[in-house]
Amino acid sequence: MAAFEAEIVECPQVVQCFLMSGEADYMLHVEIRHGETFERIHRETLSQLPGVTRLASHFVIREVIRR
């Protein structure tokens, strides 16, 4: 966990990282900048992080409410 957390803070596309309970260990909020693709970030960055053996991705369609 320490190695993953040390590396994830260096990823500029990751704007939030949460340690989770349940099936997933972490939930990341990733923002894709102009010209980037999630596929490239997934392949070249996220899947290469220490301890990563499985990734599951979900995408926001739209924000309904923020308080």
C-alpha atoms as a PDB file:
ATOM      1  CA  MET A   1       0.000   0.000   0.000  1.00  0.00           C
ATOM      2  CA  ALA A   2       2.783   2.427   0.858  1.00  0.00           C
ATOM      3  CA  ALA A   3       4.500   1.911  -2.512  1.00  0.00           C
ATOM      4  CA  PHE A   4       1.218   2.432  -4.412  1.00  0.00           C
ATOM      5  CA  GLU A   5       0.374   5.565  -2.433  1.00  0.00           C
ATOM      6  CA  ALA A   6       3.865   7.010  -2.933  1.00  0.00           C
ATOM      7  CA  GLU A   7       3.553   6.542  -6.698  1.00  0.00           C
ATOM      8  CA  ILE A   8      -0.059   7.697  -7.094  1.00  0.00           C
ATOM      9  CA  VAL A   9       0.707  11.158  -5.687  1.00  0.00           C
ATOM     10  CA  GLU A  10       3.116  11.618  -8.611  1.00  0.00           C
ATOM     11  CA  CYS A  11       0.426  10.992 -11.272  1.00  0.00           C
ATOM     12  CA  PRO A  12      -0.795  14.402 -12.482  1.00  0.00           C
ATOM     13  CA  GLN A  13      -4.015  12.966 -13.958  1.00  0.00           C
ATOM     14  CA  VAL A  14      -5.109  11.628 -10.548  1.00  0.00           C
ATOM     15  CA  VAL A  15      -6.838  14.477  -8.732  1.00  0.00           C
ATOM     16  CA  GLN A  16      -8.219  12.396  -5.841  1.00  0.00           C
ATOM     17  CA  CYS A  17      -7.389   9.007  -4.360  1.00  0.00           C
ATOM     18  CA  PHE A  18      -9.469   7.299  -1.682  1.00  0.00           C
ATOM     19  CA  LEU A  19      -8.573   4.220   0.385  1.00  0.00           C
ATOM     20  CA  MET A  20     -11.739   2.109   0.333  1.00  0.00           C
ATOM     21  CA  SER A  21     -13.346  -0.684   2.297  1.00  0.00           C
ATOM     22  CA  GLY A  22     -14.976  -3.568   0.442  1.00  0.00           C
ATOM     23  CA  GLU A  23     -13.945  -5.184  -2.831  1.00  0.00           C
ATOM     24  CA  ALA A  24     -11.788  -2.338  -4.200  1.00  0.00           C
ATOM     25  CA  ASP A  25      -8.757  -1.100  -2.286  1.00  0.00           C
ATOM     26  CA  TYR A  26      -8.667   2.366  -3.844  1.00  0.00           C
ATOM     27  CA  MET A  27     -10.916   4.657  -5.851  1.00  0.00           C
ATOM     28  CA  LEU A  28      -9.230   7.228  -8.064  1.00  0.00           C
ATOM     29  CA  HIS A  29     -10.670  10.386  -9.556  1.00  0.00           C
ATOM     30  CA  VAL A  30      -8.817  10.790 -12.853  1.00  0.00           C
ATOM     31  CA  GLU A  31      -9.186  13.847 -15.075  1.00  0.00           C
ATOM     32  CA  ILE A  32      -8.192  13.526 -18.699  1.00  0.00           C
ATOM     33  CA  ARG A  33      -6.568  16.595 -20.172  1.00  0.00           C
ATOM     34  CA  HIS A  34      -6.880  17.757 -23.775  1.00  0.00           C
ATOM     35  CA  GLY A  35      -5.151  15.340 -26.118  1.00  0.00           C
ATOM     36  CA  GLU A  36      -4.900  12.524 -23.573  1.00  0.00           C
ATOM     37  CA  THR A  37      -6.876   9.310 -23.691  1.00  0.00           C
ATOM     38  CA  PHE A  38      -7.945   7.141 -20.786  1.00  0.00           C
ATOM     39  CA  GLU A  39      -6.616   4.117 -22.662  1.00  0.00           C
ATOM     40  CA  ARG A  40      -3.072   5.551 -22.667  1.00  0.00           C
ATOM     41  CA  ILE A  41      -3.223   6.528 -18.981  1.00  0.00           C
ATOM     42  CA  HIS A  42      -4.654   3.090 -18.121  1.00  0.00           C
ATOM     43  CA  ARG A  43      -1.996   1.228 -20.096  1.00  0.00           C
ATOM     44  CA  GLU A  44       1.086   3.358 -19.411  1.00  0.00           C
ATOM     45  CA  THR A  45       0.467   4.666 -15.896  1.00  0.00           C
ATOM     46  CA  LEU A  46      -2.273   3.106 -13.775  1.00  0.00           C
ATOM     47  CA  SER A  47      -1.686  -0.536 -14.696  1.00  0.00           C
ATOM     48  CA  GLN A  48       2.046  -0.118 -14.006  1.00  0.00           C
ATOM     49  CA  LEU A  49       1.651   1.096 -10.408  1.00  0.00           C
ATOM     50  CA  PRO A  50       3.050  -1.120  -7.619  1.00  0.00           C
ATOM     51  CA  GLY A  51       0.606  -3.777  -6.460  1.00  0.00           C
ATOM     52  CA  VAL A  52      -1.972  -3.209  -9.202  1.00  0.00           C
ATOM     53  CA  THR A  53      -3.370  -6.526 -10.427  1.00  0.00           C
ATOM     54  CA  ARG A  54      -6.861  -5.447 -11.544  1.00  0.00           C
ATOM     55  CA  LEU A  55      -8.500  -2.208 -12.653  1.00  0.00           C
ATOM     56  CA  ALA A  56     -12.225  -1.461 -12.949  1.00  0.00           C
ATOM     57  CA  SER A  57     -13.275   1.778 -14.618  1.00  0.00           C
ATOM     58  CA  HIS A  58     -16.473   3.781 -14.352  1.00  0.00           C
ATOM     59  CA  PHE A  59     -17.177   7.093 -16.065  1.00  0.00           C
ATOM     60  CA  VAL A  60     -19.294  10.029 -14.960  1.00  0.00           C
ATOM     61  CA  ILE A  61     -21.951  10.938 -17.493  1.00  0.00           C
ATOM     62  CA  ARG A  62     -23.004  14.127 -15.746  1.00  0.00           C
ATOM     63  CA  GLU A  63     -23.077  15.689 -12.314  1.00  0.00           C
ATOM     64  CA  VAL A  64     -26.581  15.841 -10.861  1.00  0.00           C
ATOM     65  CA  ILE A  65     -25.877  17.745  -7.635  1.00  0.00           C
ATOM     66  CA  ARG A  66     -22.908  19.021  -5.620  1.00  0.00           C
ATOM     67  CA  ARG A  67     -23.248  20.481  -2.134  1.00  0.00           C
END
